Amino acid sequence: MAERSPNYGTDWRADEIALVVSDYFEMLDRELQGLPYSKSEHRRRLAEKIDRTDGSIEFKRENISAALSELGIPWINGYKPAPNYQAALLDAIERYIDDHPQVLAPSAEAVSATSTVLPHSGIIVLAPPPLSSPPSEKSAPLRRLARKFDPAARDALNRSLGREGEQFVVDFEKWRLRDAPQLAQKIRWVSNDDGDGTGYDVLSFDERGHDKLIEVKTTCGGDRTPFFLTRNEQAVASERPDVYRIYRVFQFRNDRRIFTIAPPLGDALHLETAIYSATPR
């Protein structure tokens, strides 16, 4: 029987968490650049410093993935997000991001070698199942960190990411209609050709030639990363619910996928007022 670590069953200390967080981001950076690295070698070197079991380190890495998903940041492929992490983990992640703010916006060049580049049928996935409780009931430390590193605001301001996501959807729609080339040729990238303001980004079609008005929302985070909706987008969704769809493009920097949202939007989304139009009295 293998000898247990002397730290077995004890809470992780702040210095140990800082080491595993730093090591995780080092691996993530290499993965997003398509550079080789060994998870097991990283784990071995880490275990020498903190004297934790392999299983404990692996689970902590999955905890980090869960926290990054909440913050709209890519995570390492193979480390499925595992929630129920210590508040101390959020503290360590916050300190790391404060010191390395570039991790909040991976560049267009930082695309993993395992990225989905070409459209295929597996890109469209089911929407995440309904939450058992509203986002407002998340832990106070997580809500505070999400406000500080607001993923919805960050994605909305990232014009490069938005354009890449829209181009990706245009390419996917052309691929989807590959057996109806006369329709595929008529697909328009409306926000690129006509500018913002129409309430949707892409004009596409279903297989019968009926319009599809697609609003694209792109994030590097997971499928539950929040996003902004403008008043105009909501108005068009209400006026044309039969043809309006939101394409939520997520995990854009490492394993991009899409799920769709149909009106009425309030049935599928928790809608909260994020900004006010204010006029002096």
Protein backbone atom coordinates (compact mmCIF):
# COMPACT_ATOMS: atom_id res chain seq x y z
CA MET A 1 0.00 0.00 0.00
CA ALA A 2 1.39 3.38 -1.06
CA GLU A 3 2.37 5.75 1.74
CA ARG A 4 0.03 8.69 2.07
CA SER A 5 1.22 12.26 1.82
CA PRO A 6 1.54 13.95 5.24
CA ASN A 7 -0.86 16.59 3.87
CA TYR A 8 -3.53 13.99 3.04
CA GLY A 9 -6.99 15.21 4.07
CA THR A 10 -5.84 18.69 5.05
CA ASP A 11 -6.91 21.98 3.45
CA TRP A 12 -4.58 23.43 0.86
CA ARG A 13 -2.47 26.31 2.16
CA ALA A 14 -2.35 29.65 0.36
CA ASP A 15 1.23 29.08 -0.83
CA GLU A 16 0.31 25.66 -2.26
CA ILE A 17 -2.71 27.09 -4.08
CA ALA A 18 -0.59 29.90 -5.53
CA LEU A 19 1.86 27.33 -6.92
CA VAL A 20 -0.81 25.18 -8.55
CA VAL A 21 -2.54 28.24 -10.02
CA SER A 22 0.71 29.55 -11.50
CA ASP A 23 1.55 26.11 -12.89
CA TYR A 24 -1.94 25.79 -14.40
CA PHE A 25 -1.66 29.12 -16.22
CA GLU A 26 1.78 28.13 -17.51
CA MET A 27 0.30 24.99 -19.07
CA LEU A 28 -2.73 26.91 -20.37
CA ASP A 29 -0.49 29.45 -22.10
CA ARG A 30 1.41 26.70 -23.89
CA GLU A 31 -1.81 24.94 -24.87
CA LEU A 32 -3.35 28.10 -26.34
CA GLN A 33 -0.18 28.66 -28.37
CA GLY A 34 -0.20 25.08 -29.62
CA LEU A 35 3.10 24.33 -27.88
CA PRO A 36 3.86 20.89 -26.43
CA TYR A 37 3.91 20.27 -22.70
CA SER A 38 3.47 17.34 -20.34
CA LYS A 39 0.71 17.48 -17.74
CA SER A 40 2.27 14.56 -15.88
CA GLU A 41 5.69 16.24 -15.80
CA HIS A 42 4.14 19.45 -14.49
CA ARG A 43 2.30 17.41 -11.88
CA ARG A 44 5.48 15.60 -10.83
CA ARG A 45 7.40 18.85 -10.38
CA LEU A 46 4.50 20.39 -8.50
CA ALA A 47 4.17 17.40 -6.18
CA GLU A 48 7.83 17.80 -5.21
CA LYS A 49 7.09 21.33 -3.99
CA ILE A 50 3.79 20.82 -2.21
CA ASP A 51 3.73 17.13 -1.28
CA ARG A 52 0.20 16.50 -2.47
CA THR A 53 -1.08 13.35 -4.16
CA ASP A 54 -1.56 13.17 -7.90
CA GLY A 55 -5.31 12.87 -7.42
CA SER A 56 -5.43 15.94 -5.21
CA ILE A 57 -3.48 18.00 -7.74
CA GLU A 58 -5.64 16.82 -10.61
CA PHE A 59 -8.83 17.73 -8.76
CA LYS A 60 -7.44 21.16 -7.89
CA ARG A 61 -6.73 21.71 -11.56
CA GLU A 62 -10.37 20.88 -12.33
CA ASN A 63 -11.39 23.39 -9.65
CA ILE A 64 -9.31 26.03 -11.43
CA SER A 65 -11.05 25.19 -14.72
CA ALA A 66 -14.41 25.75 -13.03
CA ALA A 67 -13.37 29.15 -11.69
CA LEU A 68 -11.96 30.24 -15.05
CA SER A 69 -15.18 29.18 -16.76
CA GLU A 70 -17.12 31.48 -14.43
CA LEU A 71 -14.78 34.34 -15.37
CA GLY A 72 -15.05 33.77 -19.12
CA ILE A 73 -11.43 32.59 -19.46
CA PRO A 74 -10.33 29.52 -21.47
CA TRP A 75 -9.28 26.47 -19.49
CA ILE A 76 -7.09 23.49 -20.23
CA ASN A 77 -8.60 20.82 -22.44
CA GLY A 78 -8.94 17.62 -20.44
CA TYR A 79 -9.57 19.32 -17.10
CA LYS A 80 -13.34 19.37 -16.94
CA PRO A 81 -14.57 22.14 -14.62
CA ALA A 82 -15.29 20.83 -11.12
CA PRO A 83 -17.09 23.30 -8.83
CA ASN A 84 -17.21 23.43 -5.01
CA TYR A 85 -13.77 24.97 -4.63
CA GLN A 86 -12.30 26.93 -1.72
CA ALA A 87 -12.71 30.70 -1.60
CA ALA A 88 -8.92 30.73 -1.20
CA LEU A 89 -8.63 29.46 -4.77
CA LEU A 90 -10.49 32.52 -6.05
CA ASP A 91 -8.10 34.72 -4.06
CA ALA A 92 -5.10 33.08 -5.72
CA ILE A 93 -6.63 33.36 -9.19
CA GLU A 94 -7.43 37.03 -8.57
CA ARG A 95 -3.84 37.75 -7.55
CA TYR A 96 -2.50 35.93 -10.60
CA ILE A 97 -4.78 37.85 -12.99
CA ASP A 98 -3.89 41.15 -11.33
CA ASP A 99 -0.23 40.36 -12.06
CA HIS A 100 -0.89 38.89 -15.54
CA PRO A 101 -3.90 40.76 -17.00
CA GLN A 102 -3.16 39.44 -20.48
CA VAL A 103 -4.83 36.13 -19.54
CA LEU A 104 -8.21 37.89 -19.68
CA ALA A 105 -8.01 38.32 -23.45
CA PRO A 106 -6.09 35.58 -25.28
CA SER A 107 -4.93 36.93 -28.63
CA ALA A 108 -6.17 35.71 -31.97
CA GLU A 109 -2.80 34.01 -32.47
CA ALA A 110 -3.18 32.08 -29.22
CA VAL A 111 -5.34 29.32 -30.65
CA SER A 112 -4.73 25.79 -29.54
CA ALA A 113 -3.60 23.14 -31.99
CA THR A 114 -6.75 21.26 -30.95
CA SER A 115 -9.07 24.13 -31.89
CA THR A 116 -12.05 23.47 -34.11
CA VAL A 117 -11.03 25.45 -37.20
CA LEU A 118 -13.28 24.01 -39.89
CA PRO A 119 -17.07 23.79 -39.50
CA HIS A 120 -18.59 20.39 -38.84
CA SER A 121 -21.82 18.93 -37.52
CA GLY A 122 -20.57 18.53 -33.95
CA ILE A 123 -20.17 22.27 -33.46
CA ILE A 124 -23.87 22.73 -32.63
CA VAL A 125 -24.59 21.40 -29.14
CA LEU A 126 -27.49 21.51 -26.72
CA ALA A 127 -27.92 24.55 -24.51
CA PRO A 128 -26.85 23.99 -20.90
CA PRO A 129 -29.62 22.62 -18.67
CA PRO A 130 -31.56 25.08 -16.51
CA LEU A 131 -29.83 26.23 -13.35
CA SER A 132 -31.25 25.00 -10.06
CA SER A 133 -30.81 28.54 -8.68
CA PRO A 134 -30.37 31.98 -10.28
CA PRO A 135 -26.89 33.45 -10.83
CA SER A 136 -27.52 35.92 -8.00
CA GLU A 137 -27.26 33.02 -5.53
CA LYS A 138 -23.64 32.22 -6.35
CA SER A 139 -21.16 32.65 -3.55
CA ALA A 140 -20.28 36.21 -2.53
CA PRO A 141 -16.54 35.82 -3.38
CA LEU A 142 -17.39 34.52 -6.86
CA ARG A 143 -19.91 37.31 -7.50
CA ARG A 144 -17.34 39.89 -6.42
CA LEU A 145 -14.67 38.43 -8.70
CA ALA A 146 -17.11 38.22 -11.62
CA ARG A 147 -17.92 41.90 -11.14
CA LYS A 148 -14.22 42.81 -11.06
CA PHE A 149 -13.32 40.83 -14.19
CA ASP A 150 -16.79 41.20 -15.78
CA PRO A 151 -16.76 38.63 -18.62
CA ALA A 152 -19.85 40.05 -20.36
CA ALA A 153 -18.42 43.56 -20.47
CA ARG A 154 -15.00 42.24 -21.49
CA ASP A 155 -16.41 40.23 -24.39
CA ALA A 156 -18.62 43.13 -25.51
CA LEU A 157 -15.58 45.43 -25.69
CA ASN A 158 -13.40 42.87 -27.47
CA ARG A 159 -14.15 43.84 -31.07
CA SER A 160 -11.58 41.41 -32.46
CA LEU A 161 -13.18 38.46 -30.66
CA GLY A 162 -16.64 39.57 -31.77
CA ARG A 163 -15.63 39.78 -35.42
CA GLU A 164 -13.87 36.41 -35.28
CA GLY A 165 -16.98 34.82 -33.81
CA GLU A 166 -19.21 36.36 -36.47
CA GLN A 167 -16.87 35.18 -39.25
CA PHE A 168 -16.91 31.72 -37.71
CA VAL A 169 -20.73 31.66 -37.78
CA VAL A 170 -20.82 32.89 -41.39
CA ASP A 171 -18.45 30.07 -42.37
CA PHE A 172 -20.49 27.56 -40.39
CA GLU A 173 -23.76 28.64 -42.03
CA LYS A 174 -22.21 28.33 -45.49
CA TRP A 175 -21.01 24.86 -44.57
CA ARG A 176 -24.44 23.95 -43.20
CA LEU A 177 -26.04 24.97 -46.51
CA ARG A 178 -23.36 23.30 -48.64
CA ASP A 179 -26.03 21.16 -50.36
CA ALA A 180 -28.00 24.30 -51.26
CA PRO A 181 -25.27 26.49 -52.81
CA GLN A 182 -27.79 29.00 -54.14
CA LEU A 183 -28.75 29.76 -50.53
CA ALA A 184 -25.21 29.63 -49.19
CA GLN A 185 -24.18 32.30 -51.67
CA LYS A 186 -26.90 34.63 -50.36
CA ILE A 187 -25.73 34.54 -46.73
CA ARG A 188 -24.78 38.05 -45.60
CA TRP A 189 -22.54 39.24 -42.79
CA VAL A 190 -24.87 42.13 -42.04
CA SER A 191 -22.95 43.76 -39.19
CA ASN A 192 -19.83 43.82 -41.36
CA ASP A 193 -21.54 45.09 -44.53
CA ASP A 194 -24.09 47.49 -43.03
CA GLY A 195 -22.69 48.19 -39.56
CA ASP A 196 -24.28 47.56 -36.17
CA GLY A 197 -27.82 48.61 -35.51
CA THR A 198 -29.96 46.03 -37.29
CA GLY A 199 -30.31 43.92 -34.15
CA TYR A 200 -28.61 40.89 -35.71
CA ASP A 201 -25.23 40.07 -37.27
CA VAL A 202 -25.83 37.45 -39.96
CA LEU A 203 -28.63 36.88 -42.46
CA SER A 204 -28.83 33.18 -43.25
CA PHE A 205 -31.53 30.73 -44.29
CA ASP A 206 -33.04 27.43 -43.32
CA GLU A 207 -33.10 24.54 -45.77
CA ARG A 208 -36.41 25.78 -47.26
CA GLY A 209 -35.01 29.23 -47.96
CA HIS A 210 -36.71 31.03 -45.07
CA ASP A 211 -34.76 33.82 -43.38
CA LYS A 212 -32.66 33.26 -40.26
CA LEU A 213 -31.62 36.40 -38.40
CA ILE A 214 -28.61 35.45 -36.30
CA GLU A 215 -27.18 37.50 -33.46
CA VAL A 216 -23.71 36.17 -32.58
CA LYS A 217 -22.41 36.27 -29.01
CA THR A 218 -18.86 34.99 -28.62
CA THR A 219 -16.81 34.18 -25.53
CA CYS A 220 -13.60 32.39 -24.65
CA GLY A 221 -15.41 31.14 -21.56
CA GLY A 222 -17.88 28.31 -21.03
CA ASP A 223 -21.49 27.87 -22.01
CA ARG A 224 -22.77 29.70 -18.94
CA THR A 225 -20.62 32.81 -19.37
CA PRO A 226 -23.00 35.82 -19.28
CA PHE A 227 -23.33 38.19 -22.23
CA PHE A 228 -24.90 41.55 -23.04
CA LEU A 229 -28.07 42.05 -25.08
CA THR A 230 -28.93 45.47 -26.45
CA ARG A 231 -32.43 46.92 -26.38
CA ASN A 232 -32.44 46.74 -30.19
CA GLU A 233 -31.51 43.05 -30.20
CA GLN A 234 -34.30 42.26 -27.76
CA ALA A 235 -36.77 44.31 -29.83
CA VAL A 236 -35.96 42.43 -33.05
CA ALA A 237 -36.21 39.12 -31.19
CA SER A 238 -39.71 40.11 -30.03
CA GLU A 239 -40.78 41.38 -33.45
CA ARG A 240 -39.54 38.38 -35.43
CA PRO A 241 -39.44 35.45 -32.98
CA ASP A 242 -40.01 32.87 -35.72
CA VAL A 243 -36.73 33.64 -37.50
CA TYR A 244 -34.54 35.29 -34.84
CA ARG A 245 -31.84 33.21 -33.16
CA ILE A 246 -28.92 33.91 -30.86
CA TYR A 247 -25.87 31.80 -31.64
CA ARG A 248 -23.88 31.53 -28.42
CA VAL A 249 -20.31 30.72 -29.49
CA PHE A 250 -18.28 29.56 -26.49
CA GLN A 251 -14.85 28.11 -25.65
CA PHE A 252 -13.68 30.04 -28.69
CA ARG A 253 -9.94 29.78 -28.05
CA ASN A 254 -9.69 26.05 -27.47
CA ASP A 255 -12.73 23.96 -28.44
CA ARG A 256 -15.32 26.25 -30.01
CA ARG A 257 -18.95 25.22 -29.94
CA ILE A 258 -22.36 26.84 -30.55
CA PHE A 259 -25.74 26.53 -28.92
CA THR A 260 -28.77 28.43 -30.13
CA ILE A 261 -31.37 30.46 -28.24
CA ALA A 262 -34.83 31.16 -29.64
CA PRO A 263 -37.36 33.77 -28.48
CA PRO A 264 -38.99 34.40 -26.13
CA LEU A 265 -35.55 35.12 -24.71
CA GLY A 266 -36.82 35.34 -21.15
CA ASP A 267 -37.69 31.63 -21.26
CA ALA A 268 -34.05 30.65 -21.86
CA LEU A 269 -32.10 33.44 -20.18
CA HIS A 270 -31.90 35.19 -16.83
CA LEU A 271 -32.27 38.80 -17.98
CA GLU A 272 -30.96 41.47 -15.63
CA THR A 273 -30.57 45.21 -16.14
CA ALA A 274 -26.86 45.85 -16.62
CA ILE A 275 -26.85 49.51 -17.67
CA TYR A 276 -29.21 52.46 -17.51
CA SER A 277 -29.84 55.33 -19.89
CA ALA A 278 -29.61 58.40 -17.69
CA THR A 279 -30.77 61.94 -18.47
CA PRO A 280 -30.23 64.84 -16.07
CA ARG A 281 -33.48 66.00 -14.44
